[in-house]
Amino acid sequence: MFSLTPTFAKEPNLFETLLLNLVMVNGDQVENKEKPLWESDTVRREERTEIPFPDNLAELYTLQSRRVFLERENDTVIRYYLIGGDFFQKENAFMEPMTVWRTPKKEKDSYVPRRHDANKQMWRDFALLYDYKEGNHVAGVIQWVQRIAEEIDMQMVQTTIVSVQYGDKDFFVQNVFWDSLMVNKQLLIDIGANWREKIKVEINRCEQLADAIRKLAGNLYLASGGTKGDAKSWDKTFLKSRESASAQLYFRLDMPFRRWLAGITPEEVDSADYETEEKVFSAWQKTAKTIAYSCAEELAMHAGDAAMVGHEIKNEKSGDSVRYSAPKAIHQFRIQVAEIYKKI
C-alpha cells in the first residue's frame, strides 16, 4: 500500500478522521451495487490472486490484500500463517480513494500511483493534490472532501500523506515519513479556483528561486577555486553545493509558506476585490524575496575571501576565459530574482 502514498484528511480525533475519510460516493460516479467481502458466495484461499478492479467501495474497503490462516488444535489456535492476498492492476484504478496519481506525460499513457519524494515539502505538490487542471486526477478522498465541504462543520482541512522509502528493489524499508498541509476548505471548491491558480504561480516562482540559488551556489564554488567538471560529468562537490543551497532555501521557505497558505480565506474576499487579493499575494512575495536574499548573502559570506577576489576558468574548447567572483555572482542572482517577479 505504501507505494500509493496514502492521502487522508485529518480531524482532531480518530473517530472524526475515520468518518471524514469514509468516502461514500466514488468521485468518478460509478454507481454499482455494494458487495462487501462477507457477502461473497466464495472465499478465495490462493496466495497472490489478481482480481478485476472492484466496482464498488464496499468491495474495495473489505479487500483481502493479506490472508491470515489460523491453525487450531482442539479449541486453541496454535499458530497462524500470513500470505499475500488479492490485488488488482494499478493503472487507472481510480476507485482507490487515497492514492495520489502521477499525471501521464502522453495522452495515451495511464495514470499510476505516485510515490512522494521524502525530500520535497508537501506544499510544492499543491496542484497535484488539489487541482484538476492540466490532466491532473485528484485523489478520491480529496474529491470527497470537496464534495461535502459546504455541509461539514469545519473551517480548515488538514491533508496528510504517509509514504515509505524502500531500499533496493523494494525489498526493505529505509525510511517512513509523513507530511501534512492545512488549507481553508473554501480553497478547495469553486470559490477558491482563482486563488488556487495564483497559489500555483507563487509555488512556481519558489521553484525559480531555487534554480537561481542553485546557480548562485555553483558560481560561488567556482569563484572560490572549485571546478565544474566537463560536460559529461559535473564535479560532485559542485553539484552538492548547488543542491545543498536549494534545500536550505526550501527549508527556510517552508514554515512561512505553510502559515501564509493556511491564512488564505477566500470567503472573506469578494471576487472583485482585487486590491485585497493582491495584498495577500504581495505579502508572500515580499517574504519569499527576503528569504532568498538572506540565503544568498550567507552563501557569499561562507564562500570566503578567495571568492571575493574571484577565479578565472578557461573553456577548453573555445579557449575563452570566464572570471567568477562573489560580487558578480550576487549581482547575477539579484537580476534573476528581479526577472522572476518583474510582472508584479
C-alpha atoms as a PDB file:
ATOM      1  CA  MET A   1       0.000   0.000   0.000  1.00  0.00           C
ATOM      2  CA  PHE A   2       2.851   2.398   0.707  1.00  0.00           C
ATOM      3  CA  SER A   3       3.735   2.631  -2.964  1.00  0.00           C
ATOM      4  CA  LEU A   4       0.435   4.531  -3.229  1.00  0.00           C
ATOM      5  CA  THR A   5       1.415   7.469  -0.988  1.00  0.00           C
ATOM      6  CA  PRO A   6      -1.818   7.200   1.068  1.00  0.00           C
ATOM      7  CA  THR A   7      -3.566  10.556   1.417  1.00  0.00           C
ATOM      8  CA  PHE A   8      -6.208  11.361   4.016  1.00  0.00           C
ATOM      9  CA  ALA A   9      -7.970  14.286   5.673  1.00  0.00           C
ATOM     10  CA  LYS A  10      -7.164  14.592   9.366  1.00  0.00           C
ATOM     11  CA  GLU A  11      -9.511  15.731  12.120  1.00  0.00           C
ATOM     12  CA  PRO A  12      -8.861  16.383  15.854  1.00  0.00           C
ATOM     13  CA  ASN A  13      -9.658  12.807  16.912  1.00  0.00           C
ATOM     14  CA  LEU A  14      -9.595   9.324  15.397  1.00  0.00           C
ATOM     15  CA  PHE A  15     -13.390   8.979  15.158  1.00  0.00           C
ATOM     16  CA  GLU A  16     -13.807  12.203  13.169  1.00  0.00           C
ATOM     17  CA  THR A  17     -10.796  11.347  10.995  1.00  0.00           C
ATOM     18  CA  LEU A  18     -12.278   7.945  10.107  1.00  0.00           C
ATOM     19  CA  LEU A  19     -15.687   9.475   9.467  1.00  0.00           C
ATOM     20  CA  LEU A  20     -14.317  12.199   7.173  1.00  0.00           C
ATOM     21  CA  ASN A  21     -12.306   9.688   5.142  1.00  0.00           C
ATOM     22  CA  LEU A  22     -15.150   7.228   4.697  1.00  0.00           C
ATOM     23  CA  VAL A  23     -15.814   8.055   1.059  1.00  0.00           C
ATOM     24  CA  MET A  24     -19.462   7.236   0.430  1.00  0.00           C
ATOM     25  CA  VAL A  25     -19.642   8.172  -3.243  1.00  0.00           C
ATOM     26  CA  ASN A  26     -16.890   7.452  -5.741  1.00  0.00           C
ATOM     27  CA  GLY A  27     -15.590  10.648  -7.296  1.00  0.00           C
ATOM     28  CA  ASP A  28     -15.913   9.103 -10.771  1.00  0.00           C
ATOM     29  CA  GLN A  29     -19.636   8.495 -10.165  1.00  0.00           C
ATOM     30  CA  VAL A  30     -19.500   4.742 -10.726  1.00  0.00           C
ATOM     31  CA  GLU A  31     -22.878   3.512  -9.472  1.00  0.00           C
ATOM     32  CA  ASN A  32     -22.893  -0.195  -8.676  1.00  0.00           C
ATOM     33  CA  LYS A  33     -24.371  -2.491  -6.043  1.00  0.00           C
ATOM     34  CA  GLU A  34     -22.219  -2.603  -2.909  1.00  0.00           C
ATOM     35  CA  LYS A  35     -20.667  -6.063  -2.372  1.00  0.00           C
ATOM     36  CA  PRO A  36     -18.574  -6.371   0.821  1.00  0.00           C
ATOM     37  CA  LEU A  37     -16.400  -9.463   1.160  1.00  0.00           C
ATOM     38  CA  TRP A  38     -18.684 -11.214   3.635  1.00  0.00           C
ATOM     39  CA  GLU A  39     -21.492 -11.261   1.052  1.00  0.00           C
ATOM     40  CA  SER A  40     -19.349 -13.135  -1.481  1.00  0.00           C
ATOM     41  CA  ASP A  41     -20.514 -16.620  -2.499  1.00  0.00           C
ATOM     42  CA  THR A  42     -16.966 -17.998  -2.470  1.00  0.00           C
ATOM     43  CA  VAL A  43     -13.907 -17.374  -0.322  1.00  0.00           C
ATOM     44  CA  ARG A  44     -10.550 -17.192  -2.078  1.00  0.00           C
ATOM     45  CA  ARG A  45      -7.689 -19.054  -0.394  1.00  0.00           C
ATOM     46  CA  GLU A  46      -4.957 -18.786  -3.037  1.00  0.00           C
ATOM     47  CA  GLU A  47      -1.872 -16.685  -2.457  1.00  0.00           C
ATOM     48  CA  ARG A  48      -1.336 -13.529  -4.550  1.00  0.00           C
ATOM     49  CA  THR A  49      -4.540 -13.619  -6.597  1.00  0.00           C
ATOM     50  CA  GLU A  50      -5.129 -10.983  -9.239  1.00  0.00           C
ATOM     51  CA  ILE A  51      -8.743  -9.839  -9.376  1.00  0.00           C
ATOM     52  CA  PRO A  52     -10.631  -7.346 -11.590  1.00  0.00           C
ATOM     53  CA  PHE A  53     -10.971  -3.749 -10.413  1.00  0.00           C
ATOM     54  CA  PRO A  54     -13.505  -3.562  -7.581  1.00  0.00           C
ATOM     55  CA  ASP A  55     -16.510  -1.696  -8.989  1.00  0.00           C
ATOM     56  CA  ASN A  56     -17.916  -0.642  -5.615  1.00  0.00           C
ATOM     57  CA  LEU A  57     -16.465   0.905  -2.492  1.00  0.00           C
ATOM     58  CA  ALA A  58     -17.656  -1.801  -0.077  1.00  0.00           C
ATOM     59  CA  GLU A  59     -15.730  -4.447  -2.020  1.00  0.00           C
ATOM     60  CA  LEU A  60     -12.653  -2.221  -2.061  1.00  0.00           C
ATOM     61  CA  TYR A  61     -12.820  -1.454   1.668  1.00  0.00           C
ATOM     62  CA  THR A  62     -13.045  -5.165   2.544  1.00  0.00           C
ATOM     63  CA  LEU A  63     -10.399  -6.335   0.069  1.00  0.00           C
ATOM     64  CA  GLN A  64      -8.218  -9.168   1.404  1.00  0.00           C
ATOM     65  CA  SER A  65      -4.812  -7.767   0.488  1.00  0.00           C
ATOM     66  CA  ARG A  66      -3.409 -10.212   3.076  1.00  0.00           C
ATOM     67  CA  ARG A  67      -4.787 -13.538   4.261  1.00  0.00           C
ATOM     68  CA  VAL A  68      -4.370 -14.936   7.747  1.00  0.00           C
ATOM     69  CA  PHE A  69      -4.922 -18.657   8.329  1.00  0.00           C
ATOM     70  CA  LEU A  70      -5.380 -19.887  11.883  1.00  0.00           C
ATOM     71  CA  GLU A  71      -4.333 -23.456  12.735  1.00  0.00           C
ATOM     72  CA  ARG A  72      -6.337 -24.921  15.575  1.00  0.00           C
ATOM     73  CA  GLU A  73      -5.751 -27.797  17.909  1.00  0.00           C
ATOM     74  CA  ASN A  74      -8.941 -28.671  19.721  1.00  0.00           C
ATOM     75  CA  ASP A  75     -10.268 -25.237  20.805  1.00  0.00           C
ATOM     76  CA  THR A  76      -6.900 -23.500  20.764  1.00  0.00           C
ATOM     77  CA  VAL A  77      -5.150 -21.608  17.963  1.00  0.00           C
ATOM     78  CA  ILE A  78      -1.575 -22.906  17.983  1.00  0.00           C
ATOM     79  CA  ARG A  79      -0.144 -20.998  15.027  1.00  0.00           C
ATOM     80  CA  TYR A  80      -1.054 -18.755  12.119  1.00  0.00           C
ATOM     81  CA  TYR A  81       0.085 -18.296   8.541  1.00  0.00           C
ATOM     82  CA  LEU A  82       0.237 -14.933   6.777  1.00  0.00           C
ATOM     83  CA  ILE A  83       0.262 -14.837   2.985  1.00  0.00           C
ATOM     84  CA  GLY A  84      -0.319 -12.316   0.225  1.00  0.00           C
ATOM     85  CA  GLY A  85      -3.939 -11.951  -0.811  1.00  0.00           C
ATOM     86  CA  ASP A  86      -5.909 -10.258  -3.568  1.00  0.00           C
ATOM     87  CA  PHE A  87      -4.598  -7.453  -5.745  1.00  0.00           C
ATOM     88  CA  PHE A  88      -5.610  -5.620  -8.904  1.00  0.00           C
ATOM     89  CA  GLN A  89      -3.756  -3.705 -11.591  1.00  0.00           C
ATOM     90  CA  LYS A  90      -2.651  -0.210 -10.558  1.00  0.00           C
ATOM     91  CA  GLU A  91      -3.201   1.603 -13.870  1.00  0.00           C
ATOM     92  CA  ASN A  92      -6.203   3.976 -13.779  1.00  0.00           C
ATOM     93  CA  ALA A  93      -7.522   2.328 -10.602  1.00  0.00           C
ATOM     94  CA  PHE A  94      -9.478   5.441  -9.632  1.00  0.00           C
ATOM     95  CA  MET A  95     -11.832   3.500  -7.387  1.00  0.00           C
ATOM     96  CA  GLU A  96      -8.965   3.557  -4.860  1.00  0.00           C
ATOM     97  CA  PRO A  97      -9.685   6.843  -2.997  1.00  0.00           C
ATOM     98  CA  MET A  98      -6.445   7.571  -1.143  1.00  0.00           C
ATOM     99  CA  THR A  99      -3.955   7.413  -3.989  1.00  0.00           C
ATOM    100  CA  VAL A 100      -2.006  10.348  -5.388  1.00  0.00           C
ATOM    101  CA  TRP A 101      -1.840   9.846  -9.150  1.00  0.00           C
ATOM    102  CA  ARG A 102       1.053  10.610 -11.445  1.00  0.00           C
ATOM    103  CA  THR A 103      -0.160  12.718 -14.372  1.00  0.00           C
ATOM    104  CA  PRO A 104       0.827  10.916 -17.601  1.00  0.00           C
ATOM    105  CA  LYS A 105       3.151  12.748 -19.964  1.00  0.00           C
ATOM    106  CA  LYS A 106       1.290  11.496 -23.039  1.00  0.00           C
ATOM    107  CA  GLU A 107      -2.463  11.337 -23.509  1.00  0.00           C
ATOM    108  CA  LYS A 108      -2.364   7.622 -24.337  1.00  0.00           C
ATOM    109  CA  ASP A 109      -0.471   6.732 -21.153  1.00  0.00           C
ATOM    110  CA  SER A 110      -2.160   5.534 -17.962  1.00  0.00           C
ATOM    111  CA  TYR A 111      -2.381   7.127 -14.537  1.00  0.00           C
ATOM    112  CA  VAL A 112      -0.308   5.228 -11.977  1.00  0.00           C
ATOM    113  CA  PRO A 113       0.237   5.768  -8.228  1.00  0.00           C
ATOM    114  CA  ARG A 114       2.837   8.392  -7.423  1.00  0.00           C
ATOM    115  CA  ARG A 115       5.295   7.979  -4.583  1.00  0.00           C
ATOM    116  CA  HIS A 116       6.107  11.100  -2.629  1.00  0.00           C
ATOM    117  CA  ASP A 117       9.691  12.327  -2.518  1.00  0.00           C
ATOM    118  CA  ALA A 118      10.799  12.482   1.129  1.00  0.00           C
ATOM    119  CA  ASN A 119      12.993  15.480   0.310  1.00  0.00           C
ATOM    120  CA  LYS A 120      10.123  17.506  -1.117  1.00  0.00           C
ATOM    121  CA  GLN A 121       7.754  19.589   1.005  1.00  0.00           C
ATOM    122  CA  MET A 122       4.122  18.667   0.517  1.00  0.00           C
ATOM    123  CA  TRP A 123       3.027  22.203  -0.473  1.00  0.00           C
ATOM    124  CA  ARG A 124       5.254  22.024  -3.539  1.00  0.00           C
ATOM    125  CA  ASP A 125       2.781  19.433  -4.884  1.00  0.00           C
ATOM    126  CA  PHE A 126      -0.223  21.692  -4.209  1.00  0.00           C
ATOM    127  CA  ALA A 127      -1.521  21.449  -7.790  1.00  0.00           C
ATOM    128  CA  LEU A 128      -1.220  17.669  -7.860  1.00  0.00           C
ATOM    129  CA  LEU A 129      -3.114  17.327  -4.578  1.00  0.00           C
ATOM    130  CA  TYR A 130      -5.937  19.807  -5.033  1.00  0.00           C
ATOM    131  CA  ASP A 131      -6.317  20.953  -8.627  1.00  0.00           C
ATOM    132  CA  TYR A 132      -7.899  19.372 -11.716  1.00  0.00           C
ATOM    133  CA  LYS A 133      -6.001  21.446 -14.256  1.00  0.00           C
ATOM    134  CA  GLU A 134      -3.573  20.057 -16.847  1.00  0.00           C
ATOM    135  CA  GLY A 135      -4.893  16.491 -16.842  1.00  0.00           C
ATOM    136  CA  ASN A 136      -4.386  16.019 -13.109  1.00  0.00           C
ATOM    137  CA  HIS A 137      -6.539  13.436 -11.311  1.00  0.00           C
ATOM    138  CA  VAL A 138      -7.098  14.397  -7.679  1.00  0.00           C
ATOM    139  CA  ALA A 139      -7.181  11.632  -5.052  1.00  0.00           C
ATOM    140  CA  GLY A 140     -10.695  10.345  -4.368  1.00  0.00           C
ATOM    141  CA  VAL A 141     -10.672  11.376  -0.710  1.00  0.00           C
ATOM    142  CA  ILE A 142      -9.887  14.985  -1.699  1.00  0.00           C
ATOM    143  CA  GLN A 143     -12.741  14.877  -4.221  1.00  0.00           C
ATOM    144  CA  TRP A 144     -14.982  13.660  -1.401  1.00  0.00           C
ATOM    145  CA  VAL A 145     -13.960  16.491   0.933  1.00  0.00           C
ATOM    146  CA  GLN A 146     -14.527  18.974  -1.899  1.00  0.00           C
ATOM    147  CA  ARG A 147     -17.984  17.499  -2.435  1.00  0.00           C
ATOM    148  CA  ILE A 148     -19.097  17.751   1.201  1.00  0.00           C
ATOM    149  CA  ALA A 149     -17.149  20.921   2.112  1.00  0.00           C
ATOM    150  CA  GLU A 150     -20.283  23.073   2.400  1.00  0.00           C
ATOM    151  CA  GLU A 151     -22.004  20.531   4.645  1.00  0.00           C
ATOM    152  CA  ILE A 152     -19.280  19.812   7.194  1.00  0.00           C
ATOM    153  CA  ASP A 153     -18.715  21.870  10.315  1.00  0.00           C
ATOM    154  CA  MET A 154     -15.041  22.623   9.798  1.00  0.00           C
ATOM    155  CA  GLN A 155     -13.259  25.703   8.536  1.00  0.00           C
ATOM    156  CA  MET A 156      -9.844  24.205   7.833  1.00  0.00           C
ATOM    157  CA  VAL A 157      -8.912  20.955   6.103  1.00  0.00           C
ATOM    158  CA  GLN A 158      -5.707  19.201   7.121  1.00  0.00           C
ATOM    159  CA  THR A 159      -4.475  16.833   4.432  1.00  0.00           C
ATOM    160  CA  THR A 160      -1.852  14.279   5.441  1.00  0.00           C
ATOM    161  CA  ILE A 161       0.281  11.977   3.321  1.00  0.00           C
ATOM    162  CA  VAL A 162       2.197   8.938   4.530  1.00  0.00           C
ATOM    163  CA  SER A 163       4.859   7.216   2.488  1.00  0.00           C
ATOM    164  CA  VAL A 164       7.706   4.762   2.677  1.00  0.00           C
ATOM    165  CA  GLN A 165      11.117   4.973   1.094  1.00  0.00           C
ATOM    166  CA  TYR A 166      12.198   1.476   0.099  1.00  0.00           C
ATOM    167  CA  GLY A 167      15.656   0.064  -0.460  1.00  0.00           C
ATOM    168  CA  ASP A 168      16.964  -1.971  -3.382  1.00  0.00           C
ATOM    169  CA  LYS A 169      14.135  -3.419  -5.492  1.00  0.00           C
ATOM    170  CA  ASP A 170      11.640  -2.557  -2.713  1.00  0.00           C
ATOM    171  CA  PHE A 171      12.925  -5.475  -0.616  1.00  0.00           C
ATOM    172  CA  PHE A 172      13.267  -3.484   2.609  1.00  0.00           C
ATOM    173  CA  VAL A 173      12.135  -0.240   4.209  1.00  0.00           C
ATOM    174  CA  GLN A 174      14.681   2.549   4.551  1.00  0.00           C
ATOM    175  CA  ASN A 175      12.502   5.332   5.880  1.00  0.00           C
ATOM    176  CA  VAL A 176       8.892   6.083   6.815  1.00  0.00           C
ATOM    177  CA  PHE A 177       7.784   9.677   6.590  1.00  0.00           C
ATOM    178  CA  TRP A 178       4.696  11.854   6.589  1.00  0.00           C
ATOM    179  CA  ASP A 179       3.743  15.445   5.906  1.00  0.00           C
ATOM    180  CA  SER A 180       0.565  17.498   6.242  1.00  0.00           C
ATOM    181  CA  LEU A 181      -0.903  20.711   4.925  1.00  0.00           C
ATOM    182  CA  MET A 182      -3.622  22.946   6.360  1.00  0.00           C
ATOM    183  CA  VAL A 183      -5.876  24.878   3.971  1.00  0.00           C
ATOM    184  CA  ASN A 184      -9.187  26.677   4.230  1.00  0.00           C
ATOM    185  CA  LYS A 185     -11.991  24.440   2.930  1.00  0.00           C
ATOM    186  CA  GLN A 186     -13.190  27.260   0.652  1.00  0.00           C
ATOM    187  CA  LEU A 187      -9.894  26.991  -1.189  1.00  0.00           C
ATOM    188  CA  LEU A 188     -10.865  23.504  -2.404  1.00  0.00           C
ATOM    189  CA  ILE A 189     -14.187  24.375  -4.003  1.00  0.00           C
ATOM    190  CA  ASP A 190     -15.325  26.634  -6.853  1.00  0.00           C
ATOM    191  CA  ILE A 191     -14.978  29.869  -4.872  1.00  0.00           C
ATOM    192  CA  GLY A 192     -11.278  29.118  -4.457  1.00  0.00           C
ATOM    193  CA  ALA A 193     -10.488  28.325  -8.111  1.00  0.00           C
ATOM    194  CA  ASN A 194      -8.911  31.704  -8.862  1.00  0.00           C
ATOM    195  CA  TRP A 195      -6.917  31.530  -5.639  1.00  0.00           C
ATOM    196  CA  ARG A 196      -5.606  28.062  -6.483  1.00  0.00           C
ATOM    197  CA  GLU A 197      -4.313  29.346  -9.806  1.00  0.00           C
ATOM    198  CA  LYS A 198      -2.437  32.200  -8.136  1.00  0.00           C
ATOM    199  CA  ILE A 199      -1.034  29.916  -5.434  1.00  0.00           C
ATOM    200  CA  LYS A 200       0.342  27.667  -8.171  1.00  0.00           C
ATOM    201  CA  VAL A 201       2.047  30.702  -9.707  1.00  0.00           C
ATOM    202  CA  GLU A 202       3.733  31.521  -6.389  1.00  0.00           C
ATOM    203  CA  ILE A 203       4.905  27.912  -5.978  1.00  0.00           C
ATOM    204  CA  ASN A 204       6.355  28.086  -9.481  1.00  0.00           C
ATOM    205  CA  ARG A 205       8.182  31.265  -8.501  1.00  0.00           C
ATOM    206  CA  CYS A 206       9.623  29.427  -5.494  1.00  0.00           C
ATOM    207  CA  GLU A 207      10.937  26.785  -7.890  1.00  0.00           C
ATOM    208  CA  GLN A 208      12.538  29.533  -9.970  1.00  0.00           C
ATOM    209  CA  LEU A 209      14.106  30.998  -6.820  1.00  0.00           C
ATOM    210  CA  ALA A 210      15.530  27.549  -6.053  1.00  0.00           C
ATOM    211  CA  ASP A 211      17.019  27.398  -9.569  1.00  0.00           C
ATOM    212  CA  ALA A 212      18.542  30.849  -9.050  1.00  0.00           C
ATOM    213  CA  ILE A 213      20.051  29.906  -5.685  1.00  0.00           C
ATOM    214  CA  ARG A 214      21.462  26.701  -7.219  1.00  0.00           C
ATOM    215  CA  LYS A 215      23.172  28.735  -9.920  1.00  0.00           C
ATOM    216  CA  LEU A 216      24.482  31.200  -7.337  1.00  0.00           C
ATOM    217  CA  ALA A 217      25.928  28.433  -5.159  1.00  0.00           C
ATOM    218  CA  GLY A 218      27.633  26.878  -8.174  1.00  0.00           C
ATOM    219  CA  ASN A 219      29.127  30.214  -9.243  1.00  0.00           C
ATOM    220  CA  LEU A 220      30.386  30.903  -5.705  1.00  0.00           C
ATOM    221  CA  TYR A 221      32.007  27.472  -5.620  1.00  0.00           C
ATOM    222  CA  LEU A 222      33.792  28.241  -8.892  1.00  0.00           C
ATOM    223  CA  ALA A 223      34.734  31.709  -7.627  1.00  0.00           C
ATOM    224  CA  SER A 224      36.422  30.155  -4.596  1.00  0.00           C
ATOM    225  CA  GLY A 225      38.626  27.975  -6.801  1.00  0.00           C
ATOM    226  CA  GLY A 226      36.455  24.940  -7.462  1.00  0.00           C
ATOM    227  CA  THR A 227      35.862  23.274 -10.808  1.00  0.00           C
ATOM    228  CA  LYS A 228      32.655  22.391 -12.591  1.00  0.00           C
ATOM    229  CA  GLY A 229      33.950  19.299 -14.378  1.00  0.00           C
ATOM    230  CA  ASP A 230      33.269  18.507 -18.015  1.00  0.00           C
ATOM    231  CA  ALA A 231      30.009  18.371 -19.952  1.00  0.00           C
ATOM    232  CA  LYS A 232      29.690  14.607 -19.445  1.00  0.00           C
ATOM    233  CA  SER A 233      30.320  14.545 -15.707  1.00  0.00           C
ATOM    234  CA  TRP A 234      29.998  17.526 -13.391  1.00  0.00           C
ATOM    235  CA  ASP A 235      32.199  17.693 -10.298  1.00  0.00           C
ATOM    236  CA  LYS A 236      30.376  16.057  -7.344  1.00  0.00           C
ATOM    237  CA  THR A 237      31.278  18.824  -4.908  1.00  0.00           C
ATOM    238  CA  PHE A 238      29.998  21.401  -7.402  1.00  0.00           C
ATOM    239  CA  LEU A 239      26.679  19.542  -7.657  1.00  0.00           C
ATOM    240  CA  LYS A 240      26.461  19.052  -3.899  1.00  0.00           C
ATOM    241  CA  SER A 241      26.956  22.770  -3.256  1.00  0.00           C
ATOM    242  CA  ARG A 242      24.109  23.587  -5.648  1.00  0.00           C
ATOM    243  CA  GLU A 243      21.638  21.074  -4.194  1.00  0.00           C
ATOM    244  CA  SER A 244      22.548  21.973  -0.618  1.00  0.00           C
ATOM    245  CA  ALA A 245      21.768  25.630  -1.303  1.00  0.00           C
ATOM    246  CA  SER A 246      18.427  24.736  -2.885  1.00  0.00           C
ATOM    247  CA  ALA A 247      17.486  22.520   0.070  1.00  0.00           C
ATOM    248  CA  GLN A 248      18.381  25.297   2.505  1.00  0.00           C
ATOM    249  CA  LEU A 249      16.203  27.782   0.634  1.00  0.00           C
ATOM    250  CA  TYR A 250      13.200  25.438   0.655  1.00  0.00           C
ATOM    251  CA  PHE A 251      13.785  24.747   4.365  1.00  0.00           C
ATOM    252  CA  ARG A 252      13.547  28.468   5.102  1.00  0.00           C
ATOM    253  CA  LEU A 253      10.546  28.984   2.823  1.00  0.00           C
ATOM    254  CA  ASP A 254       8.708  26.002   4.307  1.00  0.00           C
ATOM    255  CA  MET A 255       7.095  27.246   7.530  1.00  0.00           C
ATOM    256  CA  PRO A 256       6.395  30.799   6.270  1.00  0.00           C
ATOM    257  CA  PHE A 257       4.666  29.361   3.181  1.00  0.00           C
ATOM    258  CA  ARG A 258       2.556  26.953   5.267  1.00  0.00           C
ATOM    259  CA  ARG A 259       1.433  29.779   7.569  1.00  0.00           C
ATOM    260  CA  TRP A 260       0.641  32.024   4.596  1.00  0.00           C
ATOM    261  CA  LEU A 261      -1.312  29.268   2.825  1.00  0.00           C
ATOM    262  CA  ALA A 262      -3.319  28.422   5.963  1.00  0.00           C
ATOM    263  CA  GLY A 263      -4.198  32.120   6.332  1.00  0.00           C
ATOM    264  CA  ILE A 264      -5.842  32.419   2.912  1.00  0.00           C
ATOM    265  CA  THR A 265      -9.612  32.735   3.397  1.00  0.00           C
ATOM    266  CA  PRO A 266     -11.393  33.101   0.025  1.00  0.00           C
ATOM    267  CA  GLU A 267     -14.830  33.569   1.626  1.00  0.00           C
ATOM    268  CA  GLU A 268     -13.658  36.837   3.217  1.00  0.00           C
ATOM    269  CA  VAL A 269     -12.586  38.375  -0.097  1.00  0.00           C
ATOM    270  CA  ASP A 270     -15.078  39.379  -2.759  1.00  0.00           C
ATOM    271  CA  SER A 271     -14.153  38.172  -6.250  1.00  0.00           C
ATOM    272  CA  ALA A 272     -13.962  41.791  -7.425  1.00  0.00           C
ATOM    273  CA  ASP A 273     -11.834  42.949  -4.500  1.00  0.00           C
ATOM    274  CA  TYR A 274      -8.559  42.765  -6.396  1.00  0.00           C
ATOM    275  CA  GLU A 275      -6.786  45.192  -4.069  1.00  0.00           C
ATOM    276  CA  THR A 276      -7.297  42.974  -1.023  1.00  0.00           C
ATOM    277  CA  GLU A 277      -6.411  39.875  -3.009  1.00  0.00           C
ATOM    278  CA  GLU A 278      -3.200  41.435  -4.280  1.00  0.00           C
ATOM    279  CA  LYS A 279      -2.195  42.386  -0.734  1.00  0.00           C
ATOM    280  CA  VAL A 280      -2.362  38.726   0.247  1.00  0.00           C
ATOM    281  CA  PHE A 281      -0.016  37.677  -2.555  1.00  0.00           C
ATOM    282  CA  SER A 282       2.319  40.674  -2.372  1.00  0.00           C
ATOM    283  CA  ALA A 283       2.861  39.874   1.321  1.00  0.00           C
ATOM    284  CA  TRP A 284       4.116  36.402   0.388  1.00  0.00           C
ATOM    285  CA  GLN A 285       6.232  37.708  -2.498  1.00  0.00           C
ATOM    286  CA  LYS A 286       7.981  40.106  -0.131  1.00  0.00           C
ATOM    287  CA  THR A 287       8.619  37.258   2.328  1.00  0.00           C
ATOM    288  CA  ALA A 288       9.961  34.937  -0.386  1.00  0.00           C
ATOM    289  CA  LYS A 289      12.341  37.551  -1.775  1.00  0.00           C
ATOM    290  CA  THR A 290      13.591  38.473   1.711  1.00  0.00           C
ATOM    291  CA  ILE A 291      14.364  34.830   2.473  1.00  0.00           C
ATOM    292  CA  ALA A 292      16.079  34.332  -0.903  1.00  0.00           C
ATOM    293  CA  TYR A 293      18.278  37.411  -0.457  1.00  0.00           C
ATOM    294  CA  SER A 294      19.197  36.329   3.072  1.00  0.00           C
ATOM    295  CA  CYS A 295      20.236  32.870   1.822  1.00  0.00           C
ATOM    296  CA  ALA A 296      22.280  34.440  -0.984  1.00  0.00           C
ATOM    297  CA  GLU A 297      24.158  36.748   1.387  1.00  0.00           C
ATOM    298  CA  GLU A 298      25.021  33.866   3.721  1.00  0.00           C
ATOM    299  CA  LEU A 299      26.272  31.760   0.822  1.00  0.00           C
ATOM    300  CA  ALA A 300      28.510  34.615  -0.328  1.00  0.00           C
ATOM    301  CA  MET A 301      29.820  35.155   3.206  1.00  0.00           C
ATOM    302  CA  HIS A 302      30.687  31.475   3.649  1.00  0.00           C
ATOM    303  CA  ALA A 303      32.392  31.345   0.243  1.00  0.00           C
ATOM    304  CA  GLY A 304      35.335  33.168   1.845  1.00  0.00           C
ATOM    305  CA  ASP A 305      37.862  35.792   0.759  1.00  0.00           C
ATOM    306  CA  ALA A 306      39.009  33.769  -2.243  1.00  0.00           C
ATOM    307  CA  ALA A 307      35.552  34.058  -3.782  1.00  0.00           C
ATOM    308  CA  MET A 308      35.577  37.833  -3.279  1.00  0.00           C
ATOM    309  CA  VAL A 309      38.771  38.082  -5.309  1.00  0.00           C
ATOM    310  CA  GLY A 310      37.486  35.579  -7.829  1.00  0.00           C
ATOM    311  CA  HIS A 311      38.782  32.784 -10.016  1.00  0.00           C
ATOM    312  CA  GLU A 312      39.288  32.622 -13.753  1.00  0.00           C
ATOM    313  CA  ILE A 313      38.297  29.450 -15.588  1.00  0.00           C
ATOM    314  CA  LYS A 314      39.318  28.701 -19.143  1.00  0.00           C
ATOM    315  CA  ASN A 315      36.987  26.979 -21.554  1.00  0.00           C
ATOM    316  CA  GLU A 316      38.994  24.130 -23.089  1.00  0.00           C
ATOM    317  CA  LYS A 317      37.003  24.115 -26.333  1.00  0.00           C
ATOM    318  CA  SER A 318      36.731  27.832 -27.121  1.00  0.00           C
ATOM    319  CA  GLY A 319      39.845  28.959 -25.311  1.00  0.00           C
ATOM    320  CA  ASP A 320      37.909  31.854 -23.741  1.00  0.00           C
ATOM    321  CA  SER A 321      38.193  32.603 -20.049  1.00  0.00           C
ATOM    322  CA  VAL A 322      35.384  33.461 -17.641  1.00  0.00           C
ATOM    323  CA  ARG A 323      36.019  35.114 -14.306  1.00  0.00           C
ATOM    324  CA  TYR A 324      33.814  34.052 -11.400  1.00  0.00           C
ATOM    325  CA  SER A 325      33.595  36.182  -8.270  1.00  0.00           C
ATOM    326  CA  ALA A 326      31.202  36.585  -5.338  1.00  0.00           C
ATOM    327  CA  PRO A 327      30.157  40.166  -6.209  1.00  0.00           C
ATOM    328  CA  LYS A 328      29.450  39.168  -9.817  1.00  0.00           C
ATOM    329  CA  ALA A 329      27.521  36.063  -8.716  1.00  0.00           C
ATOM    330  CA  ILE A 330      25.376  38.040  -6.261  1.00  0.00           C
ATOM    331  CA  HIS A 331      24.664  40.679  -8.924  1.00  0.00           C
ATOM    332  CA  GLN A 332      23.534  37.987 -11.381  1.00  0.00           C
ATOM    333  CA  PHE A 333      21.362  36.401  -8.673  1.00  0.00           C
ATOM    334  CA  ARG A 334      19.614  39.700  -7.939  1.00  0.00           C
ATOM    335  CA  ILE A 335      18.937  40.167 -11.654  1.00  0.00           C
ATOM    336  CA  GLN A 336      17.366  36.680 -11.769  1.00  0.00           C
ATOM    337  CA  VAL A 337      15.146  37.395  -8.762  1.00  0.00           C
ATOM    338  CA  ALA A 338      14.022  40.691 -10.319  1.00  0.00           C
ATOM    339  CA  GLU A 339      13.212  38.785 -13.514  1.00  0.00           C
ATOM    340  CA  ILE A 340      11.116  36.237 -11.590  1.00  0.00           C
ATOM    341  CA  TYR A 341       8.963  38.975 -10.065  1.00  0.00           C
ATOM    342  CA  LYS A 342       9.150  41.527 -12.894  1.00  0.00           C
ATOM    343  CA  LYS A 343       5.458  41.252 -13.894  1.00  0.00           C
ATOM    344  CA  ILE A 344       4.240  42.229 -10.441  1.00  0.00           C
END
